[in-house]
N, C-alpha and C. Protein backbone atom coordinates (compact mmCIF):
# COMPACT_ATOMS: atom_id res chain seq x y z
N UNK A 1 0.83 -1.19 0.00
CA UNK A 1 0.00 0.00 0.00
C UNK A 1 0.87 1.25 0.00
N UNK A 2 0.38 2.29 -0.58
CA UNK A 2 1.08 3.56 -0.70
C UNK A 2 1.21 4.20 0.69
N UNK A 3 2.33 4.87 0.94
CA UNK A 3 2.60 5.42 2.26
C UNK A 3 2.75 6.94 2.26
N UNK A 4 1.75 7.67 1.88
CA UNK A 4 1.74 9.12 1.98
C UNK A 4 0.69 9.47 3.03
N UNK A 5 1.12 9.73 4.27
CA UNK A 5 0.15 9.94 5.36
C UNK A 5 -0.82 11.10 5.11
N UNK A 6 -0.35 12.18 4.52
CA UNK A 6 -1.24 13.32 4.25
C UNK A 6 -2.32 12.94 3.24
N UNK A 7 -1.94 12.21 2.21
CA UNK A 7 -2.90 11.78 1.19
C UNK A 7 -3.89 10.79 1.81
N UNK A 8 -3.39 9.86 2.65
CA UNK A 8 -4.26 8.89 3.30
C UNK A 8 -5.30 9.62 4.17
N UNK A 9 -4.86 10.62 4.93
CA UNK A 9 -5.77 11.38 5.78
C UNK A 9 -6.80 12.11 4.93
N UNK A 10 -6.37 12.70 3.83
CA UNK A 10 -7.30 13.39 2.93
C UNK A 10 -8.33 12.42 2.36
N UNK A 11 -7.92 11.21 2.04
CA UNK A 11 -8.84 10.21 1.52
C UNK A 11 -9.82 9.75 2.60
N UNK A 12 -9.33 9.59 3.82
CA UNK A 12 -10.22 9.19 4.91
C UNK A 12 -11.23 10.32 5.19
N UNK A 13 -10.77 11.57 5.19
CA UNK A 13 -11.69 12.69 5.37
C UNK A 13 -12.72 12.73 4.24
N UNK A 14 -12.30 12.46 3.02
CA UNK A 14 -13.23 12.41 1.90
C UNK A 14 -14.24 11.27 2.09
N UNK A 15 -13.77 10.14 2.60
CA UNK A 15 -14.66 9.01 2.87
C UNK A 15 -15.70 9.38 3.93
N UNK A 16 -15.29 10.17 4.92
CA UNK A 16 -16.23 10.63 5.95
C UNK A 16 -17.31 11.50 5.32
N UNK A 17 -16.91 12.36 4.40
CA UNK A 17 -17.89 13.22 3.71
C UNK A 17 -18.87 12.36 2.91
N UNK A 18 -18.36 11.39 2.19
CA UNK A 18 -19.21 10.51 1.38
C UNK A 18 -20.14 9.71 2.28
N UNK A 19 -19.62 9.16 3.34
CA UNK A 19 -20.41 8.35 4.26
C UNK A 19 -21.54 9.17 4.87
N UNK A 20 -21.26 10.39 5.28
CA UNK A 20 -22.29 11.25 5.87
C UNK A 20 -23.34 11.64 4.84
N UNK A 21 -22.92 11.89 3.63
CA UNK A 21 -23.84 12.37 2.59
C UNK A 21 -24.63 11.23 1.94
N UNK A 22 -23.94 10.13 1.61
CA UNK A 22 -24.54 9.08 0.79
C UNK A 22 -24.81 7.78 1.54
N UNK A 23 -24.36 7.69 2.79
CA UNK A 23 -24.53 6.46 3.54
C UNK A 23 -23.50 5.41 3.17
N UNK A 24 -23.54 4.31 3.88
CA UNK A 24 -22.56 3.25 3.68
C UNK A 24 -22.64 2.64 2.28
N UNK A 25 -23.83 2.56 1.73
CA UNK A 25 -23.98 1.97 0.40
C UNK A 25 -23.33 2.85 -0.67
N UNK A 26 -23.23 4.14 -0.41
CA UNK A 26 -22.62 5.05 -1.39
C UNK A 26 -21.12 5.18 -1.25
N UNK A 27 -20.57 4.55 -0.22
CA UNK A 27 -19.13 4.66 0.01
C UNK A 27 -18.38 3.67 -0.88
N UNK A 28 -17.86 4.19 -1.97
CA UNK A 28 -17.07 3.39 -2.89
C UNK A 28 -15.72 4.07 -3.07
N UNK A 29 -14.75 3.33 -3.57
CA UNK A 29 -13.45 3.95 -3.84
C UNK A 29 -13.61 5.08 -4.87
N UNK A 30 -14.44 4.85 -5.85
CA UNK A 30 -14.66 5.87 -6.88
C UNK A 30 -15.26 7.14 -6.27
N UNK A 31 -16.22 6.98 -5.37
CA UNK A 31 -16.83 8.14 -4.72
C UNK A 31 -15.82 8.88 -3.84
N UNK A 32 -14.95 8.14 -3.17
CA UNK A 32 -13.92 8.76 -2.34
C UNK A 32 -12.93 9.52 -3.21
N UNK A 33 -12.51 8.91 -4.31
CA UNK A 33 -11.60 9.60 -5.24
C UNK A 33 -12.22 10.90 -5.73
N UNK A 34 -13.49 10.86 -6.11
CA UNK A 34 -14.16 12.06 -6.62
C UNK A 34 -14.25 13.13 -5.53
N UNK A 35 -14.62 12.73 -4.33
CA UNK A 35 -14.73 13.69 -3.22
C UNK A 35 -13.39 14.31 -2.88
N UNK A 36 -12.33 13.51 -2.92
CA UNK A 36 -10.99 14.00 -2.59
C UNK A 36 -10.36 14.78 -3.75
N UNK A 37 -10.96 14.67 -4.93
CA UNK A 37 -10.40 15.37 -6.10
C UNK A 37 -9.09 14.78 -6.56
N UNK A 38 -8.99 13.45 -6.48
CA UNK A 38 -7.76 12.76 -6.89
C UNK A 38 -8.09 11.85 -8.09
N UNK A 39 -7.09 11.39 -8.81
CA UNK A 39 -7.34 10.51 -9.95
C UNK A 39 -8.04 9.22 -9.53
N UNK A 40 -8.86 8.70 -10.44
CA UNK A 40 -9.53 7.42 -10.20
C UNK A 40 -8.49 6.36 -9.88
N UNK A 41 -8.80 5.53 -8.92
CA UNK A 41 -7.90 4.46 -8.53
C UNK A 41 -7.00 4.81 -7.36
N UNK A 42 -6.99 6.07 -6.94
CA UNK A 42 -6.10 6.47 -5.84
C UNK A 42 -6.49 5.78 -4.53
N UNK A 43 -7.76 5.81 -4.18
CA UNK A 43 -8.20 5.22 -2.92
C UNK A 43 -7.87 3.73 -2.87
N UNK A 44 -8.03 3.05 -3.99
CA UNK A 44 -7.74 1.60 -3.99
C UNK A 44 -6.25 1.33 -3.81
N UNK A 45 -5.42 2.33 -4.06
CA UNK A 45 -3.99 2.17 -3.80
C UNK A 45 -3.65 2.36 -2.32
N UNK A 46 -4.54 2.98 -1.57
CA UNK A 46 -4.28 3.29 -0.16
C UNK A 46 -4.98 2.34 0.81
N UNK A 47 -6.03 1.69 0.35
CA UNK A 47 -6.81 0.83 1.23
C UNK A 47 -6.96 -0.54 0.58
N UNK A 48 -6.68 -1.59 1.34
CA UNK A 48 -6.68 -2.94 0.80
C UNK A 48 -8.08 -3.38 0.37
N UNK A 49 -9.10 -2.84 1.03
CA UNK A 49 -10.48 -3.24 0.74
C UNK A 49 -11.42 -2.17 1.29
N UNK A 50 -12.68 -2.31 0.96
CA UNK A 50 -13.68 -1.40 1.51
C UNK A 50 -13.73 -1.53 3.03
N UNK A 51 -13.59 -2.75 3.54
CA UNK A 51 -13.57 -2.95 4.99
C UNK A 51 -12.40 -2.21 5.63
N UNK A 52 -11.24 -2.24 4.98
CA UNK A 52 -10.08 -1.51 5.48
C UNK A 52 -10.40 -0.01 5.54
N UNK A 53 -11.03 0.50 4.51
CA UNK A 53 -11.41 1.91 4.48
C UNK A 53 -12.38 2.22 5.61
N UNK A 54 -13.41 1.39 5.79
CA UNK A 54 -14.38 1.61 6.86
C UNK A 54 -13.71 1.60 8.23
N UNK A 55 -12.79 0.66 8.45
CA UNK A 55 -12.09 0.60 9.74
C UNK A 55 -11.24 1.85 9.98
N UNK A 56 -10.59 2.34 8.94
CA UNK A 56 -9.76 3.54 9.10
C UNK A 56 -10.63 4.78 9.30
N UNK A 57 -11.77 4.81 8.67
CA UNK A 57 -12.72 5.91 8.90
C UNK A 57 -13.14 5.90 10.37
N UNK A 58 -13.45 4.72 10.89
CA UNK A 58 -13.88 4.60 12.29
C UNK A 58 -12.85 5.11 13.27
N UNK A 59 -11.61 4.82 13.01
CA UNK A 59 -10.54 5.29 13.90
C UNK A 59 -10.34 6.80 13.75
N UNK A 60 -10.40 7.30 12.53
CA UNK A 60 -10.12 8.71 12.28
C UNK A 60 -11.24 9.64 12.76
N UNK A 61 -12.48 9.20 12.68
CA UNK A 61 -13.60 10.04 13.11
C UNK A 61 -13.40 10.48 14.55
N UNK A 62 -12.95 9.58 15.38
CA UNK A 62 -12.80 9.93 16.80
C UNK A 62 -11.70 10.96 17.01
N UNK A 63 -10.69 10.95 16.19
CA UNK A 63 -9.67 12.00 16.27
C UNK A 63 -10.27 13.34 15.90
N UNK A 64 -11.10 13.36 14.87
CA UNK A 64 -11.74 14.61 14.44
C UNK A 64 -12.71 15.16 15.49
N UNK A 65 -13.41 14.26 16.17
CA UNK A 65 -14.47 14.69 17.08
C UNK A 65 -14.00 14.95 18.51
N UNK A 66 -12.76 14.62 18.81
CA UNK A 66 -12.24 14.80 20.16
C UNK A 66 -11.82 16.25 20.38
N UNK A 67 -12.10 16.74 21.59
CA UNK A 67 -11.64 18.08 21.94
C UNK A 67 -10.41 17.97 22.84
N UNK A 68 -9.61 19.00 22.85
CA UNK A 68 -8.47 19.09 23.74
C UNK A 68 -8.89 19.91 24.94
N UNK A 69 -9.05 19.28 26.12
CA UNK A 69 -9.50 20.02 27.29
C UNK A 69 -8.62 21.23 27.62
N UNK A 70 -7.35 21.18 27.27
CA UNK A 70 -6.44 22.29 27.56
C UNK A 70 -6.84 23.55 26.79
N UNK A 71 -7.55 23.37 25.68
CA UNK A 71 -7.98 24.53 24.90
C UNK A 71 -9.29 25.12 25.41
N UNK A 72 -9.83 24.54 26.46
CA UNK A 72 -11.13 24.99 26.96
C UNK A 72 -11.08 25.35 28.44
N UNK A 73 -9.98 25.95 28.88
CA UNK A 73 -9.90 26.48 30.22
C UNK A 73 -9.43 25.52 31.30
N UNK A 74 -9.27 24.25 30.98
CA UNK A 74 -8.94 23.31 32.05
C UNK A 74 -7.51 23.44 32.54
N UNK A 75 -6.62 24.01 31.73
CA UNK A 75 -5.22 24.14 32.15
C UNK A 75 -5.06 25.14 33.28
N UNK A 76 -5.87 26.18 33.28
CA UNK A 76 -5.73 27.21 34.31
C UNK A 76 -6.96 27.34 35.19
N UNK A 77 -7.85 26.35 35.15
CA UNK A 77 -9.08 26.38 35.93
C UNK A 77 -9.10 25.19 36.87
N UNK A 78 -9.46 25.44 38.12
CA UNK A 78 -9.54 24.36 39.10
C UNK A 78 -10.66 23.39 38.72
N UNK A 79 -10.47 22.10 39.01
CA UNK A 79 -11.52 21.13 38.74
C UNK A 79 -12.81 21.53 39.47
N UNK A 80 -13.90 21.57 38.75
CA UNK A 80 -15.17 22.00 39.34
C UNK A 80 -16.33 21.56 38.47
N UNK A 81 -17.52 21.73 39.01
CA UNK A 81 -18.73 21.46 38.25
C UNK A 81 -18.79 22.40 37.05
N UNK A 82 -18.38 23.63 37.25
CA UNK A 82 -18.39 24.62 36.16
C UNK A 82 -17.46 24.20 35.02
N UNK A 83 -16.28 23.71 35.40
CA UNK A 83 -15.33 23.26 34.37
C UNK A 83 -15.90 22.08 33.60
N UNK A 84 -16.48 21.12 34.32
CA UNK A 84 -17.09 19.96 33.65
C UNK A 84 -18.19 20.42 32.70
N UNK A 85 -19.01 21.35 33.13
CA UNK A 85 -20.07 21.88 32.28
C UNK A 85 -19.48 22.56 31.04
N UNK A 86 -18.44 23.34 31.24
CA UNK A 86 -17.77 24.02 30.12
C UNK A 86 -17.21 23.02 29.13
N UNK A 87 -16.61 21.94 29.62
CA UNK A 87 -16.04 20.92 28.73
C UNK A 87 -17.13 20.20 27.94
N UNK A 88 -18.25 19.89 28.60
CA UNK A 88 -19.35 19.22 27.90
C UNK A 88 -19.95 20.14 26.83
N UNK A 89 -20.07 21.41 27.15
CA UNK A 89 -20.57 22.36 26.16
C UNK A 89 -19.59 22.50 24.99
N UNK A 90 -18.31 22.54 25.30
CA UNK A 90 -17.30 22.65 24.24
C UNK A 90 -17.36 21.42 23.33
N UNK A 91 -17.53 20.25 23.91
CA UNK A 91 -17.65 19.02 23.12
C UNK A 91 -18.88 19.10 22.21
N UNK A 92 -20.00 19.50 22.78
CA UNK A 92 -21.24 19.61 22.01
C UNK A 92 -21.07 20.56 20.82
N UNK A 93 -20.49 21.71 21.06
CA UNK A 93 -20.34 22.70 19.99
C UNK A 93 -19.29 22.27 18.96
N UNK A 94 -18.24 21.60 19.43
CA UNK A 94 -17.22 21.08 18.50
C UNK A 94 -17.83 20.04 17.56
N UNK A 95 -18.59 19.13 18.12
CA UNK A 95 -19.22 18.10 17.29
C UNK A 95 -20.29 18.72 16.39
N UNK A 96 -21.03 19.70 16.90
CA UNK A 96 -22.03 20.38 16.07
C UNK A 96 -21.38 21.06 14.88
N UNK A 97 -20.17 21.57 15.08
CA UNK A 97 -19.44 22.21 13.99
C UNK A 97 -18.90 21.21 12.98
N UNK A 98 -18.80 19.93 13.39
CA UNK A 98 -18.36 18.87 12.48
C UNK A 98 -19.50 17.87 12.30
N UNK A 99 -20.64 18.39 11.89
CA UNK A 99 -21.84 17.57 11.71
C UNK A 99 -21.56 16.37 10.82
N UNK A 100 -20.79 16.58 9.78
CA UNK A 100 -20.46 15.51 8.85
C UNK A 100 -19.76 14.35 9.56
N UNK A 101 -18.81 14.67 10.43
CA UNK A 101 -18.10 13.62 11.15
C UNK A 101 -19.03 12.77 11.99
N UNK A 102 -19.95 13.43 12.69
CA UNK A 102 -20.87 12.69 13.57
C UNK A 102 -21.86 11.86 12.74
N UNK A 103 -22.38 12.44 11.67
CA UNK A 103 -23.31 11.68 10.82
C UNK A 103 -22.61 10.47 10.20
N UNK A 104 -21.35 10.64 9.82
CA UNK A 104 -20.58 9.51 9.30
C UNK A 104 -20.42 8.44 10.37
N UNK A 105 -20.21 8.86 11.60
CA UNK A 105 -20.09 7.89 12.69
C UNK A 105 -21.40 7.13 12.88
N UNK A 106 -22.53 7.82 12.77
CA UNK A 106 -23.82 7.13 12.87
C UNK A 106 -23.97 6.11 11.74
N UNK A 107 -23.61 6.51 10.52
CA UNK A 107 -23.67 5.58 9.39
C UNK A 107 -22.75 4.38 9.63
N UNK A 108 -21.58 4.66 10.18
CA UNK A 108 -20.62 3.59 10.46
C UNK A 108 -21.19 2.62 11.50
N UNK A 109 -21.84 3.17 12.51
CA UNK A 109 -22.47 2.32 13.54
C UNK A 109 -23.53 1.41 12.91
N UNK A 110 -24.34 1.98 12.03
CA UNK A 110 -25.36 1.17 11.37
C UNK A 110 -24.73 0.09 10.50
N UNK A 111 -23.71 0.46 9.76
CA UNK A 111 -23.03 -0.53 8.91
C UNK A 111 -22.39 -1.63 9.76
N UNK A 112 -21.95 -1.28 10.95
CA UNK A 112 -21.33 -2.27 11.85
C UNK A 112 -22.32 -3.36 12.27
N UNK A 113 -23.61 -3.07 12.22
CA UNK A 113 -24.59 -4.11 12.57
C UNK A 113 -24.64 -5.21 11.52
N UNK A 114 -24.10 -4.92 10.34
CA UNK A 114 -24.09 -5.90 9.24
C UNK A 114 -22.71 -6.49 8.97
N UNK A 115 -21.69 -5.95 9.60
CA UNK A 115 -20.31 -6.37 9.33
C UNK A 115 -19.62 -6.69 10.66
N UNK A 116 -19.51 -7.95 11.01
CA UNK A 116 -18.93 -8.33 12.30
C UNK A 116 -17.52 -7.78 12.53
N UNK A 117 -16.69 -7.75 11.49
CA UNK A 117 -15.32 -7.25 11.66
C UNK A 117 -15.34 -5.75 11.99
N UNK A 118 -16.18 -5.01 11.30
CA UNK A 118 -16.32 -3.58 11.58
C UNK A 118 -16.90 -3.36 12.97
N UNK A 119 -17.87 -4.19 13.33
CA UNK A 119 -18.46 -4.07 14.67
C UNK A 119 -17.40 -4.29 15.75
N UNK A 120 -16.55 -5.27 15.55
CA UNK A 120 -15.49 -5.54 16.52
C UNK A 120 -14.52 -4.36 16.61
N UNK A 121 -14.13 -3.82 15.47
CA UNK A 121 -13.20 -2.69 15.47
C UNK A 121 -13.84 -1.45 16.07
N UNK A 122 -15.09 -1.19 15.71
CA UNK A 122 -15.78 -0.01 16.24
C UNK A 122 -16.04 -0.16 17.73
N UNK A 123 -16.38 -1.36 18.16
CA UNK A 123 -16.57 -1.61 19.60
C UNK A 123 -15.29 -1.32 20.36
N UNK A 124 -14.18 -1.77 19.82
CA UNK A 124 -12.89 -1.52 20.47
C UNK A 124 -12.59 -0.02 20.54
N UNK A 125 -12.84 0.69 19.46
CA UNK A 125 -12.59 2.13 19.42
C UNK A 125 -13.50 2.88 20.39
N UNK A 126 -14.80 2.55 20.38
CA UNK A 126 -15.74 3.23 21.26
C UNK A 126 -15.48 2.90 22.73
N UNK A 127 -15.13 1.66 22.99
CA UNK A 127 -14.81 1.27 24.37
C UNK A 127 -13.57 2.02 24.85
N UNK A 128 -12.55 2.11 24.00
CA UNK A 128 -11.34 2.85 24.37
C UNK A 128 -11.66 4.33 24.60
N UNK A 129 -12.54 4.89 23.78
CA UNK A 129 -12.94 6.28 23.93
C UNK A 129 -13.65 6.50 25.27
N UNK A 130 -14.57 5.62 25.62
CA UNK A 130 -15.27 5.73 26.89
C UNK A 130 -14.29 5.62 28.05
N UNK A 131 -13.38 4.66 27.98
CA UNK A 131 -12.40 4.49 29.07
C UNK A 131 -11.43 5.67 29.15
N UNK A 132 -11.09 6.24 28.01
CA UNK A 132 -10.24 7.44 28.02
C UNK A 132 -10.96 8.59 28.71
N UNK A 133 -12.26 8.71 28.48
CA UNK A 133 -13.04 9.73 29.17
C UNK A 133 -13.07 9.49 30.67
N UNK A 134 -13.24 8.24 31.06
CA UNK A 134 -13.26 7.89 32.49
C UNK A 134 -11.91 8.23 33.12
N UNK A 135 -10.83 7.81 32.46
CA UNK A 135 -9.49 8.08 32.99
C UNK A 135 -9.19 9.58 33.01
N UNK A 136 -9.62 10.27 31.98
CA UNK A 136 -9.40 11.72 31.93
C UNK A 136 -10.07 12.44 33.08
N UNK A 137 -11.31 12.03 33.41
CA UNK A 137 -11.99 12.64 34.55
C UNK A 137 -11.28 12.30 35.85
N UNK A 138 -10.87 11.07 36.00
CA UNK A 138 -10.15 10.67 37.22
C UNK A 138 -8.89 11.51 37.40
N UNK A 139 -8.09 11.61 36.33
CA UNK A 139 -6.81 12.32 36.40
C UNK A 139 -6.99 13.82 36.60
N UNK A 140 -8.07 14.36 36.09
CA UNK A 140 -8.27 15.82 36.16
C UNK A 140 -8.74 16.27 37.54
N UNK A 141 -9.33 15.36 38.30
CA UNK A 141 -9.87 15.75 39.59
C UNK A 141 -11.24 16.39 39.49
N UNK A 142 -11.83 16.40 38.31
CA UNK A 142 -13.17 16.95 38.13
C UNK A 142 -14.14 16.14 39.00
N UNK A 143 -15.11 16.81 39.62
CA UNK A 143 -16.05 16.10 40.50
C UNK A 143 -16.77 14.96 39.79
N UNK A 144 -17.18 13.99 40.59
CA UNK A 144 -17.93 12.86 40.08
C UNK A 144 -17.13 11.58 40.19
N UNK A 145 -17.72 10.54 39.66
CA UNK A 145 -17.08 9.24 39.68
C UNK A 145 -17.19 8.63 38.28
N UNK A 146 -16.80 7.38 38.16
CA UNK A 146 -16.84 6.74 36.85
C UNK A 146 -18.25 6.73 36.27
N UNK A 147 -19.25 6.51 37.12
CA UNK A 147 -20.63 6.48 36.63
C UNK A 147 -21.07 7.85 36.13
N UNK A 148 -20.56 8.91 36.74
CA UNK A 148 -20.85 10.26 36.25
C UNK A 148 -20.41 10.38 34.79
N UNK A 149 -19.21 9.90 34.51
CA UNK A 149 -18.67 9.96 33.15
C UNK A 149 -19.53 9.14 32.20
N UNK A 150 -19.91 7.95 32.60
CA UNK A 150 -20.73 7.09 31.75
C UNK A 150 -22.09 7.75 31.48
N UNK A 151 -22.72 8.29 32.51
CA UNK A 151 -24.01 8.95 32.33
C UNK A 151 -23.89 10.15 31.39
N UNK A 152 -22.86 10.95 31.57
CA UNK A 152 -22.68 12.11 30.70
C UNK A 152 -22.35 11.68 29.27
N UNK A 153 -21.57 10.64 29.13
CA UNK A 153 -21.21 10.13 27.80
C UNK A 153 -22.47 9.79 27.01
N UNK A 154 -23.39 9.06 27.65
CA UNK A 154 -24.59 8.64 26.94
C UNK A 154 -25.64 9.74 26.85
N UNK A 155 -25.72 10.61 27.81
CA UNK A 155 -26.62 11.76 27.71
C UNK A 155 -26.18 12.66 26.56
N UNK A 156 -24.87 12.91 26.47
CA UNK A 156 -24.35 13.75 25.39
C UNK A 156 -24.55 13.08 24.03
N UNK A 157 -24.35 11.78 23.97
CA UNK A 157 -24.56 11.05 22.72
C UNK A 157 -25.99 11.24 22.24
N UNK A 158 -26.95 11.06 23.13
CA UNK A 158 -28.35 11.23 22.76
C UNK A 158 -28.67 12.66 22.33
N UNK A 159 -28.16 13.63 23.07
CA UNK A 159 -28.39 15.03 22.74
C UNK A 159 -27.82 15.36 21.36
N UNK A 160 -26.62 14.89 21.11
CA UNK A 160 -25.96 15.17 19.83
C UNK A 160 -26.72 14.51 18.67
N UNK A 161 -27.16 13.28 18.86
CA UNK A 161 -27.92 12.59 17.80
C UNK A 161 -29.18 13.39 17.46
N UNK A 162 -29.93 13.79 18.48
CA UNK A 162 -31.15 14.58 18.23
C UNK A 162 -30.81 15.90 17.54
N UNK A 163 -29.83 16.59 18.07
CA UNK A 163 -29.46 17.91 17.54
C UNK A 163 -29.04 17.84 16.07
N UNK A 164 -28.31 16.81 15.70
CA UNK A 164 -27.78 16.73 14.34
C UNK A 164 -28.71 16.03 13.35
N UNK A 165 -29.73 15.34 13.85
CA UNK A 165 -30.61 14.62 12.93
C UNK A 165 -32.03 15.18 12.88
N UNK A 166 -32.58 15.53 14.02
CA UNK A 166 -33.94 16.09 14.08
C UNK A 166 -33.95 17.27 15.06
N UNK A 167 -33.28 18.35 14.71
CA UNK A 167 -33.09 19.46 15.64
C UNK A 167 -34.38 20.11 16.12
N UNK A 168 -35.45 20.02 15.35
CA UNK A 168 -36.70 20.65 15.77
C UNK A 168 -37.29 20.00 17.02
N UNK A 169 -36.92 18.75 17.29
CA UNK A 169 -37.38 18.10 18.52
C UNK A 169 -36.87 18.87 19.73
N UNK A 170 -35.66 19.38 19.63
CA UNK A 170 -35.04 20.10 20.74
C UNK A 170 -35.31 21.60 20.71
N UNK A 171 -36.01 22.08 19.67
CA UNK A 171 -36.19 23.52 19.49
C UNK A 171 -36.66 24.25 20.75
N UNK A 172 -37.55 23.69 21.54
CA UNK A 172 -37.98 24.45 22.72
C UNK A 172 -36.93 24.50 23.85
N UNK A 173 -35.87 23.73 23.70
CA UNK A 173 -34.87 23.62 24.76
C UNK A 173 -33.54 24.22 24.32
N UNK A 174 -32.86 24.84 25.23
CA UNK A 174 -31.53 25.37 24.96
C UNK A 174 -30.51 24.28 25.28
N UNK A 175 -29.68 23.92 24.31
CA UNK A 175 -28.72 22.82 24.49
C UNK A 175 -27.76 23.09 25.64
N UNK A 176 -27.26 24.33 25.76
CA UNK A 176 -26.32 24.63 26.85
C UNK A 176 -26.99 24.45 28.21
N UNK A 177 -28.27 24.81 28.32
CA UNK A 177 -28.99 24.61 29.58
C UNK A 177 -29.19 23.12 29.86
N UNK A 178 -29.52 22.36 28.81
CA UNK A 178 -29.67 20.91 28.99
C UNK A 178 -28.36 20.29 29.47
N UNK A 179 -27.26 20.72 28.90
CA UNK A 179 -25.96 20.18 29.29
C UNK A 179 -25.67 20.49 30.75
N UNK A 180 -25.95 21.71 31.19
CA UNK A 180 -25.76 22.06 32.61
C UNK A 180 -26.62 21.16 33.50
N UNK A 181 -27.83 20.89 33.06
CA UNK A 181 -28.72 20.00 33.83
C UNK A 181 -28.17 18.58 33.86
N UNK A 182 -27.68 18.10 32.72
CA UNK A 182 -27.06 16.77 32.69
C UNK A 182 -25.95 16.68 33.73
N UNK A 183 -25.08 17.67 33.72
CA UNK A 183 -23.93 17.66 34.63
C UNK A 183 -24.41 17.68 36.07
N UNK A 184 -25.29 18.60 36.40
CA UNK A 184 -25.74 18.72 37.79
C UNK A 184 -26.49 17.49 38.27
N UNK A 185 -27.32 16.94 37.43
CA UNK A 185 -28.07 15.74 37.86
C UNK A 185 -27.20 14.51 37.91
N UNK A 186 -26.20 14.42 37.07
CA UNK A 186 -25.30 13.26 37.13
C UNK A 186 -24.43 13.29 38.39
N UNK A 187 -24.28 14.48 38.97
CA UNK A 187 -23.49 14.62 40.20
C UNK A 187 -24.33 14.59 41.45
N UNK A 188 -25.66 14.56 41.30
CA UNK A 188 -26.54 14.56 42.48
C UNK A 188 -26.31 13.30 43.30
N UNK A 189 -26.39 13.44 44.63
CA UNK A 189 -26.16 12.26 45.48
C UNK A 189 -27.23 11.20 45.31
């Protein structure tokens, strides 16, 4: 396989765009080449198979959707409920700004129900992501326990899915207020 990391990343990003727009059935090497603006056959030189492409998309999406807590006040702010709320809001807005990435992840999750190898890889990636969140909260000293992190992880997942797929359902509610409520209720005794 060809070893140009920048080109590979550009192809994976193009695959994310195709996946979000056209779904898993529309994700072909030809569609990725067209989206990336590269000659036909380029994607097939970088990925051994469609499954290889799907697996690499799954790993890369999480890099795109992850926030750096240091960029959101945590480096100079004491661990607190306010900091946790700020980080959850930053995550929500970061993912909202990369709607394509999240929609591609939803498509990938659906495709994983039909592809055992993809399901195994995605399960490993999502499990590692959840555990990284748990460890990050532990190390940061932010209030709460492991269950707080799990509850917030799934509350945020649901909020993001609604916001990015059927936003009118949430229209009467302010997302930042909902996030503050999630945080406060997840910390309630």
